[in-house]
Each structure stands twice: as structure tokens, then as C-alpha cells.
Amino acid sequence: MNKTDLIKNVSTQIDGATQKDVAVIVDTVLETIVNTVASGEKVSLAGFGNFEVAERAARTGRNPKTGEPLEIAASKSPKFHALTGFKNAVKNA
């Protein structure tokens, strides 16, 4: 399922909601999650999961081609952790 399919599915489940209305809501929710996590805060959706920033420390790695050591810079990336309700729904499907 992609974003368009999600919007169509949600709009059919809500009486009086157009796909355009649902698209605005989905875009706003996703934008809010991205902006909140990018600012360093955690987003927790009960029964679904947590979105947060994973920080990786700087470290020394090796070039796989030459074996030479190289410095890998510290970085941040988004992280999602599914909560029990979501995990159980997938496991029991």
C-alpha cells in the first residue's frame, strides 16, 4: 500500500470525507512527525509505535576495498520502534 492507496482507503471509511480532505490530513500528520523528530523530540503513538532520532557516534571503519582505516563521522537518523499492539496485529495476521 502506498500513500495514495492509504488516502483512498481512509476516505472510504469516513462518511463525508473526500480524498482531498484526507490527503491534507495525512500530509499534515506526516509533516508533523518529521518536524518533531527532526527537532530531537520523540513521537509516541499508543498501540502503534515510537518515532525518534538514533544518534551514531563517530567511529573508525575500514575501506572494504583497500583495508585502509577511515574515520566515519557521527550521524543522526530516524528510528521507528513498533509497539506491542502493532507487533501482535502483524504476528496474528
N, C-alpha and C. Protein backbone atom coordinates (compact mmCIF):
# COMPACT_ATOMS: atom_id res chain seq x y z
N MET A 1 0.86 -1.17 0.00
CA MET A 1 0.00 0.00 0.00
C MET A 1 0.90 1.23 0.00
N ASN A 2 0.62 2.14 -0.89
CA ASN A 2 1.36 3.40 -0.93
C ASN A 2 0.48 4.51 -0.36
N LYS A 3 1.00 5.71 -0.38
CA LYS A 3 0.29 6.85 0.22
C LYS A 3 -1.06 7.09 -0.45
N THR A 4 -1.12 6.98 -1.77
CA THR A 4 -2.38 7.19 -2.49
C THR A 4 -3.41 6.14 -2.09
N ASP A 5 -2.97 4.89 -1.98
CA ASP A 5 -3.87 3.82 -1.56
C ASP A 5 -4.37 4.06 -0.14
N LEU A 6 -3.49 4.52 0.73
CA LEU A 6 -3.86 4.82 2.11
C LEU A 6 -4.94 5.90 2.14
N ILE A 7 -4.74 6.95 1.37
CA ILE A 7 -5.71 8.06 1.33
C ILE A 7 -7.06 7.56 0.83
N LYS A 8 -7.07 6.77 -0.23
CA LYS A 8 -8.33 6.21 -0.77
C LYS A 8 -9.01 5.35 0.27
N ASN A 9 -8.26 4.49 0.94
CA ASN A 9 -8.82 3.58 1.93
C ASN A 9 -9.43 4.35 3.09
N VAL A 10 -8.73 5.32 3.62
CA VAL A 10 -9.23 6.10 4.75
C VAL A 10 -10.46 6.91 4.34
N SER A 11 -10.45 7.49 3.15
CA SER A 11 -11.59 8.31 2.72
C SER A 11 -12.86 7.48 2.56
N THR A 12 -12.72 6.20 2.20
CA THR A 12 -13.91 5.35 2.08
C THR A 12 -14.46 4.94 3.44
N GLN A 13 -13.64 4.99 4.48
CA GLN A 13 -14.08 4.59 5.81
C GLN A 13 -14.69 5.73 6.62
N ILE A 14 -14.54 6.96 6.16
CA ILE A 14 -15.08 8.11 6.88
C ILE A 14 -16.17 8.74 6.03
N ASP A 15 -17.40 8.73 6.56
CA ASP A 15 -18.52 9.33 5.83
C ASP A 15 -18.30 10.81 5.61
N GLY A 16 -18.48 11.26 4.40
CA GLY A 16 -18.38 12.68 4.07
C GLY A 16 -16.97 13.19 3.85
N ALA A 17 -15.97 12.33 4.01
CA ALA A 17 -14.59 12.77 3.81
C ALA A 17 -14.18 12.55 2.36
N THR A 18 -13.65 13.58 1.76
CA THR A 18 -13.16 13.44 0.38
C THR A 18 -11.70 13.02 0.42
N GLN A 19 -11.23 12.51 -0.69
CA GLN A 19 -9.82 12.12 -0.78
C GLN A 19 -8.92 13.34 -0.59
N LYS A 20 -9.37 14.48 -1.06
CA LYS A 20 -8.59 15.71 -0.92
C LYS A 20 -8.45 16.08 0.57
N ASP A 21 -9.55 15.97 1.33
CA ASP A 21 -9.51 16.26 2.76
C ASP A 21 -8.57 15.31 3.49
N VAL A 22 -8.69 14.03 3.17
CA VAL A 22 -7.86 13.02 3.82
C VAL A 22 -6.39 13.22 3.45
N ALA A 23 -6.12 13.59 2.20
CA ALA A 23 -4.74 13.83 1.76
C ALA A 23 -4.10 14.96 2.57
N VAL A 24 -4.86 16.01 2.83
CA VAL A 24 -4.35 17.13 3.63
C VAL A 24 -4.04 16.64 5.05
N ILE A 25 -4.92 15.83 5.61
CA ILE A 25 -4.72 15.32 6.97
C ILE A 25 -3.49 14.42 7.03
N VAL A 26 -3.38 13.48 6.09
CA VAL A 26 -2.23 12.56 6.06
C VAL A 26 -0.93 13.35 5.90
N ASP A 27 -0.91 14.29 4.97
CA ASP A 27 0.29 15.11 4.77
C ASP A 27 0.66 15.89 6.03
N THR A 28 -0.34 16.43 6.70
CA THR A 28 -0.09 17.20 7.92
C THR A 28 0.44 16.32 9.03
N VAL A 29 -0.13 15.13 9.19
CA VAL A 29 0.35 14.20 10.23
C VAL A 29 1.80 13.81 9.95
N LEU A 30 2.10 13.43 8.72
CA LEU A 30 3.46 13.02 8.37
C LEU A 30 4.45 14.17 8.54
N GLU A 31 4.07 15.35 8.12
CA GLU A 31 4.94 16.52 8.25
C GLU A 31 5.20 16.84 9.72
N THR A 32 4.17 16.70 10.56
CA THR A 32 4.32 16.95 11.99
C THR A 32 5.28 15.94 12.61
N ILE A 33 5.15 14.66 12.23
CA ILE A 33 6.06 13.63 12.75
C ILE A 33 7.49 13.93 12.33
N VAL A 34 7.69 14.24 11.06
CA VAL A 34 9.04 14.53 10.55
C VAL A 34 9.64 15.73 11.27
N ASN A 35 8.90 16.82 11.38
CA ASN A 35 9.42 18.03 12.02
C ASN A 35 9.72 17.82 13.50
N THR A 36 8.87 17.06 14.18
CA THR A 36 9.07 16.80 15.60
C THR A 36 10.31 15.95 15.84
N VAL A 37 10.46 14.88 15.05
CA VAL A 37 11.63 14.01 15.20
C VAL A 37 12.90 14.76 14.79
N ALA A 38 12.83 15.56 13.73
CA ALA A 38 13.99 16.33 13.28
C ALA A 38 14.46 17.32 14.35
N SER A 39 13.52 17.80 15.18
CA SER A 39 13.90 18.73 16.25
C SER A 39 14.44 18.00 17.48
N GLY A 40 14.48 16.67 17.42
CA GLY A 40 15.07 15.89 18.51
C GLY A 40 14.06 15.31 19.49
N GLU A 41 12.78 15.56 19.27
CA GLU A 41 11.76 15.03 20.16
C GLU A 41 11.27 13.67 19.68
N LYS A 42 10.71 12.91 20.60
CA LYS A 42 10.16 11.59 20.31
C LYS A 42 8.66 11.72 20.06
N VAL A 43 8.15 10.98 19.07
CA VAL A 43 6.72 10.92 18.80
C VAL A 43 6.25 9.52 19.15
N SER A 44 5.30 9.43 20.08
CA SER A 44 4.80 8.14 20.53
C SER A 44 3.32 8.03 20.21
N LEU A 45 2.95 7.03 19.42
CA LEU A 45 1.56 6.78 19.07
C LEU A 45 1.13 5.49 19.75
N ALA A 46 0.29 5.60 20.77
CA ALA A 46 -0.11 4.45 21.59
C ALA A 46 -0.65 3.31 20.71
N GLY A 47 -0.16 2.12 20.97
CA GLY A 47 -0.59 0.93 20.24
C GLY A 47 0.03 0.79 18.87
N PHE A 48 0.79 1.78 18.43
CA PHE A 48 1.39 1.74 17.10
C PHE A 48 2.90 1.70 17.19
N GLY A 49 3.52 2.80 17.65
CA GLY A 49 4.97 2.80 17.73
C GLY A 49 5.54 4.15 18.09
N ASN A 50 6.86 4.17 18.20
CA ASN A 50 7.60 5.39 18.54
C ASN A 50 8.53 5.78 17.40
N PHE A 51 8.55 7.06 17.10
CA PHE A 51 9.48 7.62 16.14
C PHE A 51 10.47 8.46 16.94
N GLU A 52 11.77 8.26 16.70
CA GLU A 52 12.77 9.03 17.42
C GLU A 52 14.05 9.12 16.61
N VAL A 53 15.01 9.88 17.14
CA VAL A 53 16.29 10.06 16.48
C VAL A 53 17.28 9.05 17.05
N ALA A 54 17.96 8.34 16.16
CA ALA A 54 19.05 7.45 16.57
C ALA A 54 20.35 8.19 16.28
N GLU A 55 21.19 8.31 17.29
CA GLU A 55 22.47 9.01 17.11
C GLU A 55 23.59 7.99 17.07
N ARG A 56 24.41 8.09 16.06
CA ARG A 56 25.56 7.20 15.92
C ARG A 56 26.83 8.00 16.19
N ALA A 57 27.64 7.48 17.06
CA ALA A 57 28.89 8.15 17.41
C ALA A 57 29.90 8.02 16.26
N ALA A 58 30.84 8.95 16.23
CA ALA A 58 31.93 8.86 15.25
C ALA A 58 32.74 7.61 15.56
N ARG A 59 33.25 6.98 14.53
CA ARG A 59 34.00 5.75 14.74
C ARG A 59 35.00 5.55 13.61
N THR A 60 35.90 4.63 13.83
CA THR A 60 36.87 4.28 12.80
C THR A 60 36.39 3.02 12.10
N GLY A 61 36.34 3.07 10.79
CA GLY A 61 35.94 1.91 9.99
C GLY A 61 37.07 1.53 9.06
N ARG A 62 36.79 0.62 8.17
CA ARG A 62 37.80 0.18 7.20
C ARG A 62 37.20 0.26 5.80
N ASN A 63 38.00 0.72 4.87
CA ASN A 63 37.61 0.70 3.47
C ASN A 63 37.60 -0.78 3.05
N PRO A 64 36.46 -1.31 2.61
CA PRO A 64 36.39 -2.74 2.29
C PRO A 64 37.26 -3.12 1.09
N LYS A 65 37.54 -2.17 0.24
CA LYS A 65 38.34 -2.47 -0.95
C LYS A 65 39.84 -2.52 -0.64
N THR A 66 40.31 -1.55 0.16
CA THR A 66 41.74 -1.45 0.42
C THR A 66 42.15 -1.89 1.82
N GLY A 67 41.19 -1.96 2.73
CA GLY A 67 41.50 -2.31 4.10
C GLY A 67 42.04 -1.15 4.92
N GLU A 68 42.19 0.02 4.30
CA GLU A 68 42.70 1.22 4.98
C GLU A 68 41.68 1.70 6.02
N PRO A 69 42.16 2.12 7.19
CA PRO A 69 41.23 2.69 8.17
C PRO A 69 40.73 4.06 7.70
N LEU A 70 39.49 4.38 8.06
CA LEU A 70 38.95 5.69 7.73
C LEU A 70 38.00 6.11 8.83
N GLU A 71 37.88 7.41 8.98
CA GLU A 71 37.01 7.97 10.02
C GLU A 71 35.59 8.10 9.47
N ILE A 72 34.64 7.57 10.22
CA ILE A 72 33.23 7.70 9.88
C ILE A 72 32.65 8.74 10.83
N ALA A 73 32.07 9.79 10.27
CA ALA A 73 31.56 10.90 11.07
C ALA A 73 30.32 10.47 11.87
N ALA A 74 30.08 11.19 12.96
CA ALA A 74 28.87 10.99 13.75
C ALA A 74 27.67 11.35 12.88
N SER A 75 26.54 10.67 13.10
CA SER A 75 25.36 10.96 12.29
C SER A 75 24.09 10.72 13.09
N LYS A 76 23.02 11.23 12.56
CA LYS A 76 21.68 11.04 13.14
C LYS A 76 20.80 10.45 12.05
N SER A 77 19.89 9.56 12.46
CA SER A 77 18.94 9.01 11.50
C SER A 77 17.62 8.73 12.22
N PRO A 78 16.52 8.71 11.48
CA PRO A 78 15.24 8.41 12.11
C PRO A 78 15.15 6.94 12.48
N LYS A 79 14.43 6.67 13.55
CA LYS A 79 14.27 5.31 14.03
C LYS A 79 12.80 5.09 14.38
N PHE A 80 12.26 3.93 14.01
CA PHE A 80 10.89 3.57 14.36
C PHE A 80 10.92 2.29 15.17
N HIS A 81 10.20 2.28 16.27
CA HIS A 81 10.09 1.09 17.11
C HIS A 81 8.62 0.74 17.24
N ALA A 82 8.21 -0.41 16.68
CA ALA A 82 6.82 -0.85 16.74
C ALA A 82 6.48 -1.28 18.16
N LEU A 83 5.29 -0.90 18.64
CA LEU A 83 4.85 -1.28 19.96
C LEU A 83 4.07 -2.60 19.91
N THR A 84 3.78 -3.14 21.07
CA THR A 84 3.20 -4.48 21.19
C THR A 84 1.91 -4.66 20.39
N GLY A 85 1.01 -3.69 20.42
CA GLY A 85 -0.25 -3.82 19.68
C GLY A 85 -0.02 -4.01 18.19
N PHE A 86 0.91 -3.26 17.63
CA PHE A 86 1.24 -3.36 16.21
C PHE A 86 1.91 -4.70 15.93
N LYS A 87 2.87 -5.08 16.77
CA LYS A 87 3.57 -6.35 16.58
C LYS A 87 2.61 -7.54 16.63
N ASN A 88 1.68 -7.51 17.59
CA ASN A 88 0.72 -8.61 17.71
C ASN A 88 -0.21 -8.67 16.52
N ALA A 89 -0.63 -7.53 15.99
CA ALA A 89 -1.51 -7.50 14.83
C ALA A 89 -0.82 -8.13 13.63
N VAL A 90 0.47 -7.85 13.46
CA VAL A 90 1.24 -8.42 12.33
C VAL A 90 1.46 -9.91 12.56
N LYS A 91 1.80 -10.27 13.79
CA LYS A 91 2.10 -11.66 14.10
C LYS A 91 0.86 -12.55 13.92
N ASN A 92 -0.31 -12.04 14.25
CA ASN A 92 -1.54 -12.82 14.22
C ASN A 92 -2.30 -12.70 12.90
N ALA A 93 -1.73 -12.01 11.93
CA ALA A 93 -2.43 -11.81 10.65
C ALA A 93 -2.31 -13.05 9.78
